[in-house]
Amino acid sequence: MNGWLLAAGTLAAGTTAIHIAAGGRSVVRPLLAGPLAAEPRRTLHAVWHLVTADLLLSAVVLLALAWVSAPSTALVLFIAAQYLAYTVAFLTVTLTARWPRPLLKLPQWTLLLPISLCTFISTL
């Protein structure tokens, strides 16, 4: 068993649960009730579900790879890069918003970065 991948998969599963529960309440419901025109609103709603599927599938793959004796390094590095890209996206959006205490406004990066790091470390 690879403990780093197990940690990454567990964190990813928890992040998925938070995304579904808290994000659905604080992001999706206001988005659907908001003033955006129907097409961009529904597009963003679809993107929300795409992210949900991606988070869920990557969590399942990380947990499965934790039990494989020789997991595919390319696949593991791809997932690490994916979570790092998510981290960079959230940090970029957050830090360019010019909010007070911006890192606390959109704290998703604090969940995404450890998943990326644990996944990457598992290859060393």
C-alpha atoms as a PDB file:
ATOM      1  CA  MET A   1       0.000   0.000   0.000  1.00  0.00           C
ATOM      2  CA  ASN A   2       1.169   3.523  -0.814  1.00  0.00           C
ATOM      3  CA  GLY A   3       0.360   5.745   2.156  1.00  0.00           C
ATOM      4  CA  TRP A   4       0.837   8.968   0.188  1.00  0.00           C
ATOM      5  CA  LEU A   5      -1.716   7.903  -2.407  1.00  0.00           C
ATOM      6  CA  LEU A   6      -4.065   6.738   0.328  1.00  0.00           C
ATOM      7  CA  ALA A   7      -3.767  10.161   1.985  1.00  0.00           C
ATOM      8  CA  ALA A   8      -4.282  11.933  -1.341  1.00  0.00           C
ATOM      9  CA  GLY A   9      -7.295   9.781  -2.185  1.00  0.00           C
ATOM     10  CA  THR A  10      -8.834  10.298   1.239  1.00  0.00           C
ATOM     11  CA  LEU A  11      -8.319  14.069   1.000  1.00  0.00           C
ATOM     12  CA  ALA A  12      -9.741  14.027  -2.535  1.00  0.00           C
ATOM     13  CA  ALA A  13     -12.821  12.110  -1.391  1.00  0.00           C
ATOM     14  CA  GLY A  14     -13.350  14.575   1.453  1.00  0.00           C
ATOM     15  CA  THR A  15     -12.898  17.487  -0.931  1.00  0.00           C
ATOM     16  CA  THR A  16     -15.485  15.946  -3.239  1.00  0.00           C
ATOM     17  CA  ALA A  17     -17.950  15.647  -0.368  1.00  0.00           C
ATOM     18  CA  ILE A  18     -17.352  19.272   0.646  1.00  0.00           C
ATOM     19  CA  HIS A  19     -17.718  20.371  -2.980  1.00  0.00           C
ATOM     20  CA  ILE A  20     -21.076  18.614  -3.272  1.00  0.00           C
ATOM     21  CA  ALA A  21     -22.519  19.626   0.105  1.00  0.00           C
ATOM     22  CA  ALA A  22     -21.179  23.083   0.868  1.00  0.00           C
ATOM     23  CA  GLY A  23     -20.595  24.178  -2.698  1.00  0.00           C
ATOM     24  CA  GLY A  24     -24.038  23.147  -3.808  1.00  0.00           C
ATOM     25  CA  ARG A  25     -25.519  25.288  -1.077  1.00  0.00           C
ATOM     26  CA  SER A  26     -23.215  28.321  -1.312  1.00  0.00           C
ATOM     27  CA  VAL A  27     -22.437  28.382  -5.050  1.00  0.00           C
ATOM     28  CA  VAL A  28     -24.880  26.409  -7.196  1.00  0.00           C
ATOM     29  CA  ARG A  29     -28.150  27.525  -5.581  1.00  0.00           C
ATOM     30  CA  PRO A  30     -27.258  31.252  -5.745  1.00  0.00           C
ATOM     31  CA  LEU A  31     -25.954  30.794  -9.278  1.00  0.00           C
ATOM     32  CA  LEU A  32     -29.193  29.200 -10.461  1.00  0.00           C
ATOM     33  CA  ALA A  33     -31.279  31.854  -8.724  1.00  0.00           C
ATOM     34  CA  GLY A  34     -29.119  34.713  -9.994  1.00  0.00           C
ATOM     35  CA  PRO A  35     -29.694  37.237 -12.745  1.00  0.00           C
ATOM     36  CA  LEU A  36     -27.505  35.614 -15.409  1.00  0.00           C
ATOM     37  CA  ALA A  37     -29.117  34.789 -18.720  1.00  0.00           C
ATOM     38  CA  ALA A  38     -30.224  31.162 -19.093  1.00  0.00           C
ATOM     39  CA  GLU A  39     -27.426  30.014 -21.416  1.00  0.00           C
ATOM     40  CA  PRO A  40     -24.417  31.137 -19.308  1.00  0.00           C
ATOM     41  CA  ARG A  41     -26.223  30.086 -16.120  1.00  0.00           C
ATOM     42  CA  ARG A  42     -26.836  26.571 -17.436  1.00  0.00           C
ATOM     43  CA  THR A  43     -23.315  26.381 -18.858  1.00  0.00           C
ATOM     44  CA  LEU A  44     -21.865  27.207 -15.429  1.00  0.00           C
ATOM     45  CA  HIS A  45     -24.237  24.670 -13.867  1.00  0.00           C
ATOM     46  CA  ALA A  46     -22.937  22.013 -16.276  1.00  0.00           C
ATOM     47  CA  VAL A  47     -19.337  23.009 -15.488  1.00  0.00           C
ATOM     48  CA  TRP A  48     -20.134  22.569 -11.795  1.00  0.00           C
ATOM     49  CA  HIS A  49     -21.222  18.997 -12.478  1.00  0.00           C
ATOM     50  CA  LEU A  50     -18.161  18.370 -14.668  1.00  0.00           C
ATOM     51  CA  VAL A  51     -15.941  19.398 -11.762  1.00  0.00           C
ATOM     52  CA  THR A  52     -17.951  17.170  -9.427  1.00  0.00           C
ATOM     53  CA  ALA A  53     -17.423  14.193 -11.745  1.00  0.00           C
ATOM     54  CA  ASP A  54     -13.731  14.982 -12.110  1.00  0.00           C
ATOM     55  CA  LEU A  55     -13.182  15.278  -8.360  1.00  0.00           C
ATOM     56  CA  LEU A  56     -15.069  12.058  -7.708  1.00  0.00           C
ATOM     57  CA  LEU A  57     -13.309  10.049 -10.416  1.00  0.00           C
ATOM     58  CA  SER A  58      -9.853  11.256  -9.418  1.00  0.00           C
ATOM     59  CA  ALA A  59     -10.568  10.411  -5.756  1.00  0.00           C
ATOM     60  CA  VAL A  60     -11.626   6.895  -6.736  1.00  0.00           C
ATOM     61  CA  VAL A  61      -8.541   6.443  -8.929  1.00  0.00           C
ATOM     62  CA  LEU A  62      -6.192   7.714  -6.199  1.00  0.00           C
ATOM     63  CA  LEU A  63      -7.729   5.354  -3.654  1.00  0.00           C
ATOM     64  CA  ALA A  64      -7.483   2.436  -6.091  1.00  0.00           C
ATOM     65  CA  LEU A  65      -3.879   3.281  -7.001  1.00  0.00           C
ATOM     66  CA  ALA A  66      -2.961   3.320  -3.294  1.00  0.00           C
ATOM     67  CA  TRP A  67      -3.434  -0.463  -3.275  1.00  0.00           C
ATOM     68  CA  VAL A  68      -1.596  -1.212  -6.540  1.00  0.00           C
ATOM     69  CA  SER A  69       1.946  -2.524  -6.095  1.00  0.00           C
ATOM     70  CA  ALA A  70       3.337  -0.472  -9.007  1.00  0.00           C
ATOM     71  CA  PRO A  71       0.936   2.310  -9.957  1.00  0.00           C
ATOM     72  CA  SER A  72       1.389   4.079 -13.283  1.00  0.00           C
ATOM     73  CA  THR A  73       3.751   6.977 -12.620  1.00  0.00           C
ATOM     74  CA  ALA A  74       2.365   8.856 -15.619  1.00  0.00           C
ATOM     75  CA  LEU A  75      -1.197   8.586 -14.303  1.00  0.00           C
ATOM     76  CA  VAL A  76      -0.176   9.600 -10.787  1.00  0.00           C
ATOM     77  CA  LEU A  77       1.781  12.607 -12.085  1.00  0.00           C
ATOM     78  CA  PHE A  78      -1.153  13.584 -14.289  1.00  0.00           C
ATOM     79  CA  ILE A  79      -3.476  13.649 -11.282  1.00  0.00           C
ATOM     80  CA  ALA A  80      -0.885  15.584  -9.239  1.00  0.00           C
ATOM     81  CA  ALA A  81      -0.603  18.135 -12.058  1.00  0.00           C
ATOM     82  CA  GLN A  82      -4.368  18.359 -12.320  1.00  0.00           C
ATOM     83  CA  TYR A  83      -4.758  19.253  -8.646  1.00  0.00           C
ATOM     84  CA  LEU A  84      -1.828  21.670  -8.867  1.00  0.00           C
ATOM     85  CA  ALA A  85      -3.541  23.384 -11.816  1.00  0.00           C
ATOM     86  CA  TYR A  86      -6.742  23.662  -9.760  1.00  0.00           C
ATOM     87  CA  THR A  87      -4.706  25.186  -6.925  1.00  0.00           C
ATOM     88  CA  VAL A  88      -3.092  27.740  -9.237  1.00  0.00           C
ATOM     89  CA  ALA A  89      -6.477  28.636 -10.747  1.00  0.00           C
ATOM     90  CA  PHE A  90      -8.018  29.298  -7.339  1.00  0.00           C
ATOM     91  CA  LEU A  91      -5.008  31.258  -6.104  1.00  0.00           C
ATOM     92  CA  THR A  92      -4.910  33.350  -9.276  1.00  0.00           C
ATOM     93  CA  VAL A  93      -8.612  34.179  -9.156  1.00  0.00           C
ATOM     94  CA  THR A  94      -8.458  34.856  -5.429  1.00  0.00           C
ATOM     95  CA  LEU A  95      -5.357  37.031  -5.442  1.00  0.00           C
ATOM     96  CA  THR A  96      -6.471  39.116  -8.425  1.00  0.00           C
ATOM     97  CA  ALA A  97      -9.897  39.890  -6.922  1.00  0.00           C
ATOM     98  CA  ARG A  98      -8.467  42.575  -4.598  1.00  0.00           C
ATOM     99  CA  TRP A  99     -10.523  41.431  -1.642  1.00  0.00           C
ATOM    100  CA  PRO A 100      -9.475  41.946   1.968  1.00  0.00           C
ATOM    101  CA  ARG A 101      -7.918  38.731   3.272  1.00  0.00           C
ATOM    102  CA  PRO A 102      -8.316  37.086  -0.154  1.00  0.00           C
ATOM    103  CA  LEU A 103      -6.861  33.694   0.749  1.00  0.00           C
ATOM    104  CA  LEU A 104      -9.748  33.137   3.149  1.00  0.00           C
ATOM    105  CA  LYS A 105     -12.466  34.202   0.681  1.00  0.00           C
ATOM    106  CA  LEU A 106     -11.889  31.242  -1.641  1.00  0.00           C
ATOM    107  CA  PRO A 107     -10.047  28.696   0.525  1.00  0.00           C
ATOM    108  CA  GLN A 108     -10.472  25.779  -1.889  1.00  0.00           C
ATOM    109  CA  TRP A 109      -6.753  25.915  -2.666  1.00  0.00           C
ATOM    110  CA  THR A 110      -6.056  24.734   0.900  1.00  0.00           C
ATOM    111  CA  LEU A 111      -7.752  21.436   0.048  1.00  0.00           C
ATOM    112  CA  LEU A 112      -6.405  21.080  -3.484  1.00  0.00           C
ATOM    113  CA  LEU A 113      -2.707  21.763  -2.807  1.00  0.00           C
ATOM    114  CA  PRO A 114      -2.219  18.963  -0.235  1.00  0.00           C
ATOM    115  CA  ILE A 115      -3.795  16.464  -2.636  1.00  0.00           C
ATOM    116  CA  SER A 116      -1.351  17.520  -5.339  1.00  0.00           C
ATOM    117  CA  LEU A 117       1.615  17.360  -2.978  1.00  0.00           C
ATOM    118  CA  CYS A 118       0.725  13.949  -1.524  1.00  0.00           C
ATOM    119  CA  THR A 119       0.138  12.577  -5.016  1.00  0.00           C
ATOM    120  CA  PHE A 120       3.455  13.921  -6.297  1.00  0.00           C
ATOM    121  CA  ILE A 121       5.390  12.714  -3.245  1.00  0.00           C
ATOM    122  CA  SER A 122       3.994   9.211  -3.785  1.00  0.00           C
ATOM    123  CA  THR A 123       6.156   8.939  -6.929  1.00  0.00           C
ATOM    124  CA  LEU A 124       9.460   9.654  -5.160  1.00  0.00           C
END
